[in-house]
Amino acid sequence: MTPGRALAFVLLLAASVTPVARAGEPTREEALRTLTGAPDAEARRRAAHALGERGAMEDVPALARALRDADPLVRASAESALWQVWSRSGDAEADRLLALGVEQMQAHDGEAAVETFARVIARRPEFAEGWNKRATVYYLLGEYAKSLADCDEVLKRNPYHFGALSGYGMIYLQLDQPTRALEYFERALAVNPNLSSVQEAADKLKALLIRRRKDSI
């Protein structure tokens, strides 16, 4: 997440059903090898796209490394692929509920979304994205303690989740704790340096904290 409630919707990515490879497309294993070893940028872009469609949580470290690829389109494809992988629970009903909760959140029906994401969590407690989506709703509802608690659950299951790390920063901004907000924004950027809104927020917080230190002297 980044400062401002409108930017909270960086976490609003709908769940995907688990797709099947079509004839002529790379398998998950082939895509993983290409992403990590191919010298051709276009091949790496296709590999990241394929992993978005067919990747698994075991592929997250490789996709996270691709967030630092020399090619900007590879980086963008890897970020999109991570969200796709994170949004698949392996349970069709849990994925359906996740998508429903996102729709409710986008319709500004926060209370209903909380209930729906709670059903996802009850059904698949190991599924980090259920916790992440509920954390987002709690943030939008101003339930910051509950949102922080759910972010904790996300990171227990997915330490690469730059959305949840950014979310901590947004919450601590609302709680007027800029030092802690900056810490989490920087942690998010350490995972994904392509988050321009988070980088902008971090830069502003650094300037703010410098001014405060000067004023206190």
N, C-alpha and C. Protein backbone atom coordinates (compact mmCIF):
# COMPACT_ATOMS: atom_id res chain seq x y z
N MET A 1 0.84 -1.19 0.00
CA MET A 1 0.00 0.00 0.00
C MET A 1 0.89 1.25 0.00
N THR A 2 0.30 2.37 -0.35
CA THR A 2 0.98 3.64 -0.32
C THR A 2 0.09 4.66 0.34
N PRO A 3 0.61 5.83 0.75
CA PRO A 3 -0.21 6.78 1.49
C PRO A 3 -1.45 7.19 0.71
N GLY A 4 -2.52 7.42 1.47
CA GLY A 4 -3.78 7.81 0.86
C GLY A 4 -4.67 6.63 0.61
N ARG A 5 -5.91 6.77 0.97
CA ARG A 5 -6.81 5.61 0.88
C ARG A 5 -7.01 5.13 -0.54
N ALA A 6 -6.99 6.03 -1.51
CA ALA A 6 -7.21 5.58 -2.89
C ALA A 6 -6.14 4.61 -3.31
N LEU A 7 -4.89 4.83 -2.86
CA LEU A 7 -3.80 3.96 -3.27
C LEU A 7 -3.82 2.63 -2.53
N ALA A 8 -4.68 2.49 -1.56
CA ALA A 8 -4.80 1.20 -0.90
C ALA A 8 -5.21 0.11 -1.87
N PHE A 9 -5.83 0.49 -2.97
CA PHE A 9 -6.34 -0.50 -3.91
C PHE A 9 -5.24 -1.13 -4.74
N VAL A 10 -3.96 -0.86 -4.40
CA VAL A 10 -2.86 -1.63 -5.00
C VAL A 10 -3.00 -3.10 -4.65
N LEU A 11 -3.74 -3.38 -3.56
CA LEU A 11 -3.92 -4.76 -3.13
C LEU A 11 -5.17 -5.40 -3.73
N LEU A 12 -5.94 -4.67 -4.50
CA LEU A 12 -7.20 -5.19 -5.00
C LEU A 12 -6.99 -5.90 -6.34
N LEU A 13 -6.41 -7.07 -6.29
CA LEU A 13 -6.20 -7.85 -7.51
C LEU A 13 -7.06 -9.09 -7.41
N ALA A 14 -7.91 -9.30 -8.39
CA ALA A 14 -8.86 -10.41 -8.33
C ALA A 14 -8.14 -11.74 -8.43
N ALA A 15 -8.73 -12.75 -7.76
CA ALA A 15 -8.15 -14.09 -7.81
C ALA A 15 -8.30 -14.68 -9.19
N SER A 16 -7.37 -15.56 -9.53
CA SER A 16 -7.41 -16.24 -10.81
C SER A 16 -7.67 -17.72 -10.58
N VAL A 17 -8.37 -18.36 -11.53
CA VAL A 17 -8.51 -19.80 -11.45
C VAL A 17 -7.21 -20.42 -11.94
N THR A 18 -6.90 -21.60 -11.48
CA THR A 18 -5.69 -22.26 -11.89
C THR A 18 -5.80 -22.70 -13.33
N PRO A 19 -4.97 -22.15 -14.26
CA PRO A 19 -5.09 -22.46 -15.67
C PRO A 19 -4.32 -23.69 -16.06
N VAL A 20 -4.59 -24.15 -17.25
CA VAL A 20 -3.90 -25.31 -17.81
C VAL A 20 -3.09 -24.87 -19.00
N ALA A 21 -1.87 -25.39 -19.13
CA ALA A 21 -1.02 -25.02 -20.26
C ALA A 21 -1.64 -25.51 -21.56
N ARG A 22 -1.63 -24.61 -22.57
CA ARG A 22 -2.14 -24.98 -23.88
C ARG A 22 -1.00 -25.49 -24.75
N ALA A 23 -1.36 -26.18 -25.80
CA ALA A 23 -0.35 -26.76 -26.68
C ALA A 23 0.58 -25.68 -27.22
N GLY A 24 1.88 -25.95 -27.18
CA GLY A 24 2.87 -25.01 -27.70
C GLY A 24 3.35 -24.00 -26.68
N GLU A 25 2.68 -23.89 -25.54
CA GLU A 25 3.11 -22.95 -24.51
C GLU A 25 4.09 -23.63 -23.57
N PRO A 26 5.01 -22.87 -22.97
CA PRO A 26 5.99 -23.48 -22.07
C PRO A 26 5.33 -24.02 -20.82
N THR A 27 5.85 -25.11 -20.32
CA THR A 27 5.38 -25.63 -19.04
C THR A 27 5.91 -24.73 -17.93
N ARG A 28 5.39 -24.92 -16.75
CA ARG A 28 5.88 -24.14 -15.61
C ARG A 28 7.38 -24.33 -15.42
N GLU A 29 7.87 -25.55 -15.54
CA GLU A 29 9.29 -25.82 -15.34
C GLU A 29 10.13 -25.15 -16.42
N GLU A 30 9.66 -25.19 -17.66
CA GLU A 30 10.39 -24.54 -18.75
C GLU A 30 10.42 -23.03 -18.56
N ALA A 31 9.29 -22.47 -18.14
CA ALA A 31 9.22 -21.03 -17.91
C ALA A 31 10.17 -20.60 -16.80
N LEU A 32 10.24 -21.40 -15.76
CA LEU A 32 11.13 -21.07 -14.64
C LEU A 32 12.58 -21.08 -15.07
N ARG A 33 12.97 -22.07 -15.87
CA ARG A 33 14.34 -22.11 -16.36
C ARG A 33 14.64 -20.93 -17.27
N THR A 34 13.69 -20.56 -18.10
CA THR A 34 13.90 -19.44 -19.02
C THR A 34 14.00 -18.12 -18.26
N LEU A 35 13.13 -17.93 -17.27
CA LEU A 35 13.14 -16.69 -16.51
C LEU A 35 14.48 -16.47 -15.83
N THR A 36 15.06 -17.53 -15.33
CA THR A 36 16.29 -17.40 -14.54
C THR A 36 17.56 -17.52 -15.37
N GLY A 37 17.45 -17.99 -16.64
CA GLY A 37 18.68 -18.23 -17.37
C GLY A 37 18.75 -17.75 -18.79
N ALA A 38 17.65 -17.29 -19.38
CA ALA A 38 17.66 -16.92 -20.79
C ALA A 38 18.29 -15.55 -20.99
N PRO A 39 19.20 -15.40 -21.96
CA PRO A 39 19.78 -14.07 -22.22
C PRO A 39 18.84 -13.14 -22.96
N ASP A 40 17.83 -13.69 -23.62
CA ASP A 40 16.91 -12.89 -24.43
C ASP A 40 15.79 -12.32 -23.56
N ALA A 41 15.63 -11.00 -23.57
CA ALA A 41 14.64 -10.35 -22.72
C ALA A 41 13.22 -10.77 -23.09
N GLU A 42 12.94 -10.90 -24.38
CA GLU A 42 11.60 -11.28 -24.79
C GLU A 42 11.25 -12.66 -24.27
N ALA A 43 12.20 -13.57 -24.26
CA ALA A 43 11.96 -14.91 -23.73
C ALA A 43 11.68 -14.85 -22.24
N ARG A 44 12.38 -13.97 -21.53
CA ARG A 44 12.14 -13.83 -20.09
C ARG A 44 10.76 -13.23 -19.82
N ARG A 45 10.34 -12.30 -20.68
CA ARG A 45 9.00 -11.72 -20.53
C ARG A 45 7.93 -12.80 -20.69
N ARG A 46 8.09 -13.63 -21.73
CA ARG A 46 7.12 -14.71 -21.94
C ARG A 46 7.13 -15.69 -20.78
N ALA A 47 8.33 -15.93 -20.23
CA ALA A 47 8.43 -16.86 -19.10
C ALA A 47 7.71 -16.30 -17.88
N ALA A 48 7.89 -15.02 -17.60
CA ALA A 48 7.21 -14.42 -16.46
C ALA A 48 5.70 -14.47 -16.65
N HIS A 49 5.24 -14.20 -17.87
CA HIS A 49 3.81 -14.28 -18.16
C HIS A 49 3.29 -15.70 -17.93
N ALA A 50 4.05 -16.69 -18.39
CA ALA A 50 3.63 -18.09 -18.23
C ALA A 50 3.57 -18.47 -16.76
N LEU A 51 4.52 -17.98 -15.97
CA LEU A 51 4.50 -18.29 -14.54
C LEU A 51 3.33 -17.60 -13.85
N GLY A 52 2.93 -16.45 -14.35
CA GLY A 52 1.73 -15.82 -13.82
C GLY A 52 0.51 -16.69 -14.02
N GLU A 53 0.45 -17.38 -15.14
CA GLU A 53 -0.69 -18.23 -15.44
C GLU A 53 -0.62 -19.59 -14.76
N ARG A 54 0.62 -20.12 -14.62
CA ARG A 54 0.74 -21.50 -14.14
C ARG A 54 1.69 -21.67 -12.97
N GLY A 55 2.25 -20.60 -12.46
CA GLY A 55 3.24 -20.70 -11.40
C GLY A 55 2.65 -21.11 -10.07
N ALA A 56 3.54 -21.45 -9.15
CA ALA A 56 3.16 -21.88 -7.80
C ALA A 56 3.96 -21.06 -6.79
N MET A 57 3.61 -21.18 -5.53
CA MET A 57 4.31 -20.42 -4.49
C MET A 57 5.80 -20.75 -4.47
N GLU A 58 6.17 -21.95 -4.87
CA GLU A 58 7.58 -22.30 -4.91
C GLU A 58 8.37 -21.45 -5.90
N ASP A 59 7.67 -20.82 -6.84
CA ASP A 59 8.32 -20.00 -7.86
C ASP A 59 8.48 -18.54 -7.43
N VAL A 60 7.94 -18.19 -6.28
CA VAL A 60 7.97 -16.79 -5.84
C VAL A 60 9.39 -16.25 -5.71
N PRO A 61 10.35 -16.99 -5.12
CA PRO A 61 11.71 -16.42 -5.05
C PRO A 61 12.29 -16.06 -6.41
N ALA A 62 12.08 -16.90 -7.41
CA ALA A 62 12.59 -16.60 -8.75
C ALA A 62 11.90 -15.38 -9.33
N LEU A 63 10.59 -15.28 -9.16
CA LEU A 63 9.87 -14.11 -9.66
C LEU A 63 10.30 -12.85 -8.92
N ALA A 64 10.57 -12.97 -7.62
CA ALA A 64 11.03 -11.81 -6.85
C ALA A 64 12.40 -11.34 -7.36
N ARG A 65 13.27 -12.27 -7.71
CA ARG A 65 14.56 -11.88 -8.28
C ARG A 65 14.37 -11.16 -9.61
N ALA A 66 13.36 -11.59 -10.36
CA ALA A 66 13.09 -10.97 -11.66
C ALA A 66 12.58 -9.54 -11.52
N LEU A 67 12.19 -9.12 -10.32
CA LEU A 67 11.81 -7.73 -10.09
C LEU A 67 12.99 -6.79 -10.25
N ARG A 68 14.19 -7.36 -10.34
CA ARG A 68 15.42 -6.58 -10.56
C ARG A 68 16.03 -6.85 -11.93
N ASP A 69 15.27 -7.44 -12.81
CA ASP A 69 15.76 -7.72 -14.15
C ASP A 69 16.15 -6.42 -14.86
N ALA A 70 17.12 -6.51 -15.77
CA ALA A 70 17.56 -5.32 -16.51
C ALA A 70 16.47 -4.78 -17.42
N ASP A 71 15.54 -5.63 -17.83
CA ASP A 71 14.48 -5.23 -18.75
C ASP A 71 13.25 -4.78 -17.97
N PRO A 72 12.74 -3.56 -18.20
CA PRO A 72 11.59 -3.08 -17.43
C PRO A 72 10.32 -3.90 -17.66
N LEU A 73 10.14 -4.44 -18.86
CA LEU A 73 8.95 -5.24 -19.12
C LEU A 73 9.02 -6.59 -18.41
N VAL A 74 10.20 -7.13 -18.25
CA VAL A 74 10.35 -8.35 -17.45
C VAL A 74 9.98 -8.05 -16.01
N ARG A 75 10.44 -6.91 -15.51
CA ARG A 75 10.13 -6.55 -14.13
C ARG A 75 8.62 -6.39 -13.94
N ALA A 76 7.97 -5.70 -14.89
CA ALA A 76 6.53 -5.51 -14.79
C ALA A 76 5.79 -6.84 -14.88
N SER A 77 6.24 -7.72 -15.77
CA SER A 77 5.60 -9.02 -15.92
C SER A 77 5.79 -9.86 -14.67
N ALA A 78 6.95 -9.77 -14.06
CA ALA A 78 7.21 -10.53 -12.83
C ALA A 78 6.31 -10.05 -11.70
N GLU A 79 6.12 -8.73 -11.59
CA GLU A 79 5.25 -8.20 -10.54
C GLU A 79 3.82 -8.68 -10.74
N SER A 80 3.34 -8.60 -11.98
CA SER A 80 1.99 -9.08 -12.28
C SER A 80 1.87 -10.57 -11.99
N ALA A 81 2.89 -11.33 -12.34
CA ALA A 81 2.87 -12.77 -12.11
C ALA A 81 2.81 -13.09 -10.63
N LEU A 82 3.53 -12.34 -9.82
CA LEU A 82 3.49 -12.59 -8.37
C LEU A 82 2.07 -12.41 -7.84
N TRP A 83 1.40 -11.34 -8.26
CA TRP A 83 0.02 -11.15 -7.79
C TRP A 83 -0.88 -12.29 -8.24
N GLN A 84 -0.67 -12.76 -9.46
CA GLN A 84 -1.49 -13.87 -9.95
C GLN A 84 -1.25 -15.14 -9.13
N VAL A 85 0.01 -15.44 -8.88
CA VAL A 85 0.35 -16.63 -8.09
C VAL A 85 -0.22 -16.50 -6.69
N TRP A 86 -0.06 -15.32 -6.09
CA TRP A 86 -0.54 -15.13 -4.73
C TRP A 86 -2.05 -15.25 -4.64
N SER A 87 -2.76 -15.00 -5.72
CA SER A 87 -4.22 -15.00 -5.70
C SER A 87 -4.82 -16.37 -6.00
N ARG A 88 -3.99 -17.39 -6.12
CA ARG A 88 -4.49 -18.75 -6.35
C ARG A 88 -4.26 -19.59 -5.10
N SER A 89 -5.33 -20.09 -4.56
CA SER A 89 -5.24 -20.90 -3.34
C SER A 89 -5.11 -22.39 -3.63
N GLY A 90 -5.46 -22.79 -4.86
CA GLY A 90 -5.52 -24.22 -5.16
C GLY A 90 -6.87 -24.82 -4.81
N ASP A 91 -7.79 -23.99 -4.35
CA ASP A 91 -9.14 -24.41 -3.97
C ASP A 91 -10.12 -23.54 -4.74
N ALA A 92 -10.88 -24.11 -5.63
CA ALA A 92 -11.77 -23.33 -6.49
C ALA A 92 -12.77 -22.51 -5.69
N GLU A 93 -13.31 -23.07 -4.61
CA GLU A 93 -14.29 -22.34 -3.82
C GLU A 93 -13.64 -21.17 -3.09
N ALA A 94 -12.44 -21.37 -2.55
CA ALA A 94 -11.73 -20.28 -1.89
C ALA A 94 -11.41 -19.17 -2.89
N ASP A 95 -11.01 -19.55 -4.11
CA ASP A 95 -10.72 -18.56 -5.13
C ASP A 95 -11.98 -17.80 -5.53
N ARG A 96 -13.11 -18.50 -5.59
CA ARG A 96 -14.38 -17.84 -5.92
C ARG A 96 -14.73 -16.83 -4.84
N LEU A 97 -14.56 -17.21 -3.60
CA LEU A 97 -14.86 -16.30 -2.50
C LEU A 97 -13.92 -15.10 -2.50
N LEU A 98 -12.65 -15.33 -2.80
CA LEU A 98 -11.70 -14.22 -2.86
C LEU A 98 -12.14 -13.21 -3.92
N ALA A 99 -12.51 -13.71 -5.09
CA ALA A 99 -12.97 -12.81 -6.16
C ALA A 99 -14.24 -12.07 -5.74
N LEU A 100 -15.15 -12.75 -5.05
CA LEU A 100 -16.36 -12.11 -4.57
C LEU A 100 -16.02 -11.00 -3.58
N GLY A 101 -15.11 -11.29 -2.67
CA GLY A 101 -14.72 -10.28 -1.69
C GLY A 101 -14.10 -9.06 -2.35
N VAL A 102 -13.30 -9.26 -3.38
CA VAL A 102 -12.72 -8.13 -4.11
C VAL A 102 -13.83 -7.30 -4.75
N GLU A 103 -14.82 -7.96 -5.34
CA GLU A 103 -15.95 -7.23 -5.93
C GLU A 103 -16.67 -6.41 -4.87
N GLN A 104 -16.89 -7.00 -3.71
CA GLN A 104 -17.57 -6.28 -2.63
C GLN A 104 -16.74 -5.08 -2.17
N MET A 105 -15.42 -5.27 -2.10
CA MET A 105 -14.55 -4.18 -1.69
C MET A 105 -14.58 -3.06 -2.71
N GLN A 106 -14.53 -3.40 -3.98
CA GLN A 106 -14.57 -2.39 -5.03
C GLN A 106 -15.92 -1.67 -5.07
N ALA A 107 -16.97 -2.34 -4.58
CA ALA A 107 -18.30 -1.73 -4.49
C ALA A 107 -18.48 -0.97 -3.18
N HIS A 108 -17.39 -0.85 -2.40
CA HIS A 108 -17.39 -0.13 -1.12
C HIS A 108 -18.31 -0.77 -0.08
N ASP A 109 -18.49 -2.08 -0.18
CA ASP A 109 -19.27 -2.81 0.82
C ASP A 109 -18.27 -3.53 1.73
N GLY A 110 -17.62 -2.75 2.58
CA GLY A 110 -16.55 -3.27 3.40
C GLY A 110 -16.96 -4.35 4.37
N GLU A 111 -18.10 -4.17 5.00
CA GLU A 111 -18.54 -5.15 6.00
C GLU A 111 -18.76 -6.52 5.35
N ALA A 112 -19.40 -6.51 4.17
CA ALA A 112 -19.62 -7.78 3.47
C ALA A 112 -18.29 -8.39 3.04
N ALA A 113 -17.35 -7.55 2.60
CA ALA A 113 -16.04 -8.06 2.17
C ALA A 113 -15.30 -8.69 3.34
N VAL A 114 -15.37 -8.08 4.51
CA VAL A 114 -14.73 -8.67 5.69
C VAL A 114 -15.27 -10.06 5.95
N GLU A 115 -16.58 -10.20 5.88
CA GLU A 115 -17.20 -11.51 6.12
C GLU A 115 -16.77 -12.53 5.07
N THR A 116 -16.69 -12.09 3.82
CA THR A 116 -16.31 -13.01 2.75
C THR A 116 -14.86 -13.45 2.90
N PHE A 117 -13.97 -12.50 3.19
CA PHE A 117 -12.56 -12.87 3.36
C PHE A 117 -12.36 -13.73 4.61
N ALA A 118 -13.20 -13.52 5.62
CA ALA A 118 -13.13 -14.39 6.80
C ALA A 118 -13.48 -15.83 6.42
N ARG A 119 -14.41 -15.99 5.49
CA ARG A 119 -14.75 -17.34 5.01
C ARG A 119 -13.58 -17.96 4.25
N VAL A 120 -12.88 -17.13 3.47
CA VAL A 120 -11.68 -17.63 2.77
C VAL A 120 -10.65 -18.11 3.79
N ILE A 121 -10.42 -17.30 4.82
CA ILE A 121 -9.42 -17.64 5.84
C ILE A 121 -9.82 -18.90 6.58
N ALA A 122 -11.10 -19.02 6.92
CA ALA A 122 -11.56 -20.22 7.63
C ALA A 122 -11.38 -21.46 6.76
N ARG A 123 -11.59 -21.30 5.47
CA ARG A 123 -11.49 -22.45 4.57
C ARG A 123 -10.04 -22.81 4.27
N ARG A 124 -9.19 -21.78 4.09
CA ARG A 124 -7.79 -21.99 3.74
C ARG A 124 -6.92 -21.05 4.58
N PRO A 125 -6.72 -21.36 5.86
CA PRO A 125 -5.96 -20.45 6.72
C PRO A 125 -4.51 -20.28 6.30
N GLU A 126 -3.98 -21.22 5.52
CA GLU A 126 -2.59 -21.10 5.06
C GLU A 126 -2.46 -20.19 3.85
N PHE A 127 -3.57 -19.75 3.29
CA PHE A 127 -3.59 -18.94 2.07
C PHE A 127 -3.37 -17.47 2.45
N ALA A 128 -2.19 -16.95 2.17
CA ALA A 128 -1.81 -15.61 2.64
C ALA A 128 -2.70 -14.52 2.07
N GLU A 129 -3.16 -14.70 0.82
CA GLU A 129 -3.90 -13.61 0.19
C GLU A 129 -5.26 -13.38 0.81
N GLY A 130 -5.85 -14.41 1.42
CA GLY A 130 -7.09 -14.18 2.15
C GLY A 130 -6.88 -13.19 3.29
N TRP A 131 -5.78 -13.38 4.01
CA TRP A 131 -5.44 -12.46 5.11
C TRP A 131 -5.12 -11.07 4.55
N ASN A 132 -4.40 -11.02 3.43
CA ASN A 132 -4.01 -9.73 2.87
C ASN A 132 -5.22 -8.91 2.43
N LYS A 133 -6.17 -9.57 1.79
CA LYS A 133 -7.35 -8.84 1.34
C LYS A 133 -8.17 -8.33 2.53
N ARG A 134 -8.26 -9.14 3.57
CA ARG A 134 -9.01 -8.66 4.74
C ARG A 134 -8.26 -7.51 5.41
N ALA A 135 -6.92 -7.58 5.43
CA ALA A 135 -6.14 -6.47 5.98
C ALA A 135 -6.44 -5.18 5.23
N THR A 136 -6.60 -5.28 3.91
CA THR A 136 -6.90 -4.10 3.10
C THR A 136 -8.26 -3.52 3.47
N VAL A 137 -9.24 -4.38 3.63
CA VAL A 137 -10.58 -3.90 4.00
C VAL A 137 -10.55 -3.24 5.37
N TYR A 138 -9.88 -3.89 6.32
CA TYR A 138 -9.80 -3.29 7.66
C TYR A 138 -9.15 -1.91 7.60
N TYR A 139 -8.12 -1.79 6.76
CA TYR A 139 -7.48 -0.47 6.61
C TYR A 139 -8.49 0.55 6.10
N LEU A 140 -9.23 0.19 5.07
CA LEU A 140 -10.20 1.11 4.49
C LEU A 140 -11.30 1.48 5.48
N LEU A 141 -11.60 0.57 6.41
CA LEU A 141 -12.62 0.83 7.42
C LEU A 141 -12.06 1.56 8.63
N GLY A 142 -10.75 1.82 8.63
CA GLY A 142 -10.13 2.50 9.77
C GLY A 142 -9.87 1.59 10.96
N GLU A 143 -9.95 0.28 10.74
CA GLU A 143 -9.68 -0.69 11.81
C GLU A 143 -8.20 -1.06 11.77
N TYR A 144 -7.36 -0.14 12.20
CA TYR A 144 -5.92 -0.28 11.98
C TYR A 144 -5.29 -1.42 12.78
N ALA A 145 -5.71 -1.63 14.00
CA ALA A 145 -5.15 -2.73 14.79
C ALA A 145 -5.46 -4.07 14.14
N LYS A 146 -6.68 -4.22 13.65
CA LYS A 146 -7.05 -5.47 12.98
C LYS A 146 -6.28 -5.63 11.67
N SER A 147 -6.08 -4.53 10.96
CA SER A 147 -5.32 -4.60 9.72
C SER A 147 -3.88 -5.01 9.99
N LEU A 148 -3.26 -4.43 11.01
CA LEU A 148 -1.89 -4.82 11.37
C LEU A 148 -1.82 -6.30 11.72
N ALA A 149 -2.79 -6.78 12.47
CA ALA A 149 -2.79 -8.19 12.85
C ALA A 149 -2.87 -9.10 11.64
N ASP A 150 -3.69 -8.72 10.66
CA ASP A 150 -3.80 -9.53 9.46
C ASP A 150 -2.53 -9.44 8.61
N CYS A 151 -1.90 -8.26 8.57
CA CYS A 151 -0.62 -8.15 7.87
C CYS A 151 0.42 -9.08 8.48
N ASP A 152 0.40 -9.21 9.81
CA ASP A 152 1.31 -10.15 10.47
C ASP A 152 1.10 -11.57 9.95
N GLU A 153 -0.16 -11.94 9.77
CA GLU A 153 -0.47 -13.28 9.28
C GLU A 153 -0.01 -13.46 7.83
N VAL A 154 -0.12 -12.40 7.04
CA VAL A 154 0.35 -12.48 5.65
C VAL A 154 1.84 -12.80 5.62
N LEU A 155 2.62 -12.04 6.38
CA LEU A 155 4.08 -12.20 6.31
C LEU A 155 4.55 -13.52 6.90
N LYS A 156 3.79 -14.09 7.82
CA LYS A 156 4.13 -15.42 8.32
C LYS A 156 4.09 -16.44 7.18
N ARG A 157 3.19 -16.22 6.25
CA ARG A 157 2.96 -17.17 5.16
C ARG A 157 3.68 -16.78 3.87
N ASN A 158 3.95 -15.49 3.70
CA ASN A 158 4.55 -15.01 2.46
C ASN A 158 5.44 -13.80 2.76
N PRO A 159 6.69 -14.04 3.13
CA PRO A 159 7.57 -12.92 3.49
C PRO A 159 7.93 -12.02 2.32
N TYR A 160 7.62 -12.43 1.10
CA TYR A 160 7.89 -11.60 -0.08
C TYR A 160 6.76 -10.63 -0.38
N HIS A 161 5.73 -10.61 0.40
CA HIS A 161 4.52 -9.84 0.06
C HIS A 161 4.76 -8.34 0.25
N PHE A 162 5.21 -7.69 -0.82
CA PHE A 162 5.50 -6.27 -0.76
C PHE A 162 4.23 -5.45 -0.57
N GLY A 163 3.07 -5.99 -0.94
CA GLY A 163 1.82 -5.28 -0.70
C GLY A 163 1.52 -5.15 0.78
N ALA A 164 1.71 -6.24 1.51
CA ALA A 164 1.48 -6.19 2.96
C ALA A 164 2.52 -5.31 3.64
N LEU A 165 3.78 -5.38 3.19
CA LEU A 165 4.81 -4.52 3.77
C LEU A 165 4.48 -3.05 3.55
N SER A 166 4.01 -2.72 2.36
CA SER A 166 3.56 -1.35 2.10
C SER A 166 2.36 -1.00 2.96
N GLY A 167 1.51 -2.00 3.19
CA GLY A 167 0.34 -1.79 4.02
C GLY A 167 0.67 -1.37 5.44
N TYR A 168 1.69 -2.01 6.01
CA TYR A 168 2.14 -1.56 7.33
C TYR A 168 2.48 -0.07 7.29
N GLY A 169 3.22 0.32 6.25
CA GLY A 169 3.60 1.72 6.15
C GLY A 169 2.41 2.65 6.12
N MET A 170 1.38 2.29 5.35
CA MET A 170 0.19 3.12 5.27
C MET A 170 -0.51 3.22 6.62
N ILE A 171 -0.57 2.10 7.32
CA ILE A 171 -1.23 2.11 8.62
C ILE A 171 -0.46 2.99 9.60
N TYR A 172 0.86 2.85 9.62
CA TYR A 172 1.64 3.65 10.56
C TYR A 172 1.61 5.14 10.21
N LEU A 173 1.40 5.46 8.93
CA LEU A 173 1.18 6.87 8.58
C LEU A 173 -0.11 7.37 9.22
N GLN A 174 -1.16 6.56 9.13
CA GLN A 174 -2.44 6.95 9.74
C GLN A 174 -2.32 7.08 11.25
N LEU A 175 -1.44 6.29 11.84
CA LEU A 175 -1.23 6.33 13.30
C LEU A 175 -0.20 7.38 13.70
N ASP A 176 0.24 8.19 12.74
CA ASP A 176 1.23 9.25 12.97
C ASP A 176 2.52 8.69 13.57
N GLN A 177 2.99 7.61 12.95
CA GLN A 177 4.27 7.03 13.33
C GLN A 177 5.16 6.97 12.07
N PRO A 178 5.67 8.14 11.64
CA PRO A 178 6.39 8.18 10.36
C PRO A 178 7.66 7.35 10.34
N THR A 179 8.34 7.22 11.44
CA THR A 179 9.57 6.43 11.45
C THR A 179 9.28 4.96 11.14
N ARG A 180 8.25 4.42 11.78
CA ARG A 180 7.87 3.04 11.50
C ARG A 180 7.31 2.90 10.09
N ALA A 181 6.57 3.90 9.64
CA ALA A 181 6.05 3.86 8.27
C ALA A 181 7.20 3.78 7.28
N LEU A 182 8.22 4.60 7.47
CA LEU A 182 9.37 4.59 6.57
C LEU A 182 10.07 3.24 6.60
N GLU A 183 10.20 2.66 7.78
CA GLU A 183 10.84 1.34 7.89
C GLU A 183 10.14 0.32 6.99
N TYR A 184 8.82 0.30 7.02
CA TYR A 184 8.11 -0.70 6.23
C TYR A 184 8.08 -0.36 4.75
N PHE A 185 8.02 0.93 4.42
CA PHE A 185 8.12 1.28 3.01
C PHE A 185 9.47 0.82 2.44
N GLU A 186 10.52 1.00 3.21
CA GLU A 186 11.84 0.58 2.75
C GLU A 186 11.94 -0.94 2.65
N ARG A 187 11.27 -1.64 3.55
CA ARG A 187 11.26 -3.10 3.45
C ARG A 187 10.51 -3.56 2.19
N ALA A 188 9.41 -2.87 1.88
CA ALA A 188 8.68 -3.19 0.65
C ALA A 188 9.55 -2.96 -0.57
N LEU A 189 10.28 -1.85 -0.58
CA LEU A 189 11.15 -1.53 -1.71
C LEU A 189 12.33 -2.49 -1.81
N ALA A 190 12.75 -3.05 -0.68
CA ALA A 190 13.83 -4.03 -0.71
C ALA A 190 13.40 -5.29 -1.44
N VAL A 191 12.11 -5.60 -1.37
CA VAL A 191 11.58 -6.75 -2.12
C VAL A 191 11.29 -6.35 -3.56
N ASN A 192 10.62 -5.21 -3.72
CA ASN A 192 10.21 -4.76 -5.06
C ASN A 192 10.59 -3.29 -5.24
N PRO A 193 11.74 -3.03 -5.85
CA PRO A 193 12.20 -1.64 -6.02
C PRO A 193 11.43 -0.87 -7.08
N ASN A 194 10.43 -1.47 -7.70
CA ASN A 194 9.68 -0.83 -8.78
C ASN A 194 8.41 -0.12 -8.31
N LEU A 195 8.20 -0.07 -7.01
CA LEU A 195 6.99 0.54 -6.47
C LEU A 195 7.18 2.06 -6.40
N SER A 196 6.85 2.74 -7.48
CA SER A 196 7.14 4.17 -7.57
C SER A 196 6.40 4.99 -6.53
N SER A 197 5.15 4.64 -6.25
CA SER A 197 4.38 5.39 -5.26
C SER A 197 4.96 5.20 -3.86
N VAL A 198 5.42 3.99 -3.58
CA VAL A 198 6.03 3.72 -2.28
C VAL A 198 7.36 4.46 -2.18
N GLN A 199 8.13 4.47 -3.27
CA GLN A 199 9.40 5.22 -3.26
C GLN A 199 9.16 6.69 -3.02
N GLU A 200 8.14 7.24 -3.66
CA GLU A 200 7.81 8.65 -3.47
C GLU A 200 7.43 8.92 -2.02
N ALA A 201 6.63 8.03 -1.44
CA ALA A 201 6.23 8.20 -0.05
C ALA A 201 7.44 8.12 0.88
N ALA A 202 8.33 7.18 0.61
CA ALA A 202 9.53 7.03 1.44
C ALA A 202 10.40 8.27 1.36
N ASP A 203 10.56 8.82 0.17
CA ASP A 203 11.37 10.03 0.01
C ASP A 203 10.77 11.20 0.79
N LYS A 204 9.45 11.34 0.73
CA LYS A 204 8.79 12.42 1.46
C LYS A 204 8.95 12.23 2.97
N LEU A 205 8.85 10.98 3.43
CA LEU A 205 9.01 10.73 4.86
C LEU A 205 10.43 11.02 5.32
N LYS A 206 11.41 10.66 4.50
CA LYS A 206 12.79 10.97 4.86
C LYS A 206 12.98 12.47 5.02
N ALA A 207 12.44 13.24 4.07
CA ALA A 207 12.56 14.69 4.16
C ALA A 207 11.85 15.23 5.40
N LEU A 208 10.66 14.67 5.70
CA LEU A 208 9.92 15.09 6.88
C LEU A 208 10.71 14.82 8.16
N LEU A 209 11.28 13.63 8.26
CA LEU A 209 12.02 13.27 9.46
C LEU A 209 13.28 14.11 9.61
N ILE A 210 13.91 14.46 8.51
CA ILE A 210 15.08 15.33 8.57
C ILE A 210 14.69 16.71 9.09
N ARG A 211 13.57 17.24 8.58
CA ARG A 211 13.10 18.55 9.05
C ARG A 211 12.77 18.51 10.53
N ARG A 212 12.14 17.44 10.96
CA ARG A 212 11.78 17.33 12.39
C ARG A 212 13.02 17.28 13.26
N ARG A 213 14.04 16.57 12.79
CA ARG A 213 15.27 16.51 13.57
C ARG A 213 15.93 17.90 13.66
N LYS A 214 15.90 18.62 12.54
CA LYS A 214 16.49 19.96 12.53
C LYS A 214 15.73 20.90 13.47
N ASP A 215 14.39 20.78 13.45
CA ASP A 215 13.57 21.64 14.29
C ASP A 215 13.76 21.35 15.76
N SER A 216 14.16 20.12 16.08
CA SER A 216 14.31 19.75 17.49
C SER A 216 15.66 20.15 18.06
N ILE A 217 16.58 20.58 17.18
CA ILE A 217 17.91 20.96 17.66
C ILE A 217 17.87 22.39 18.23
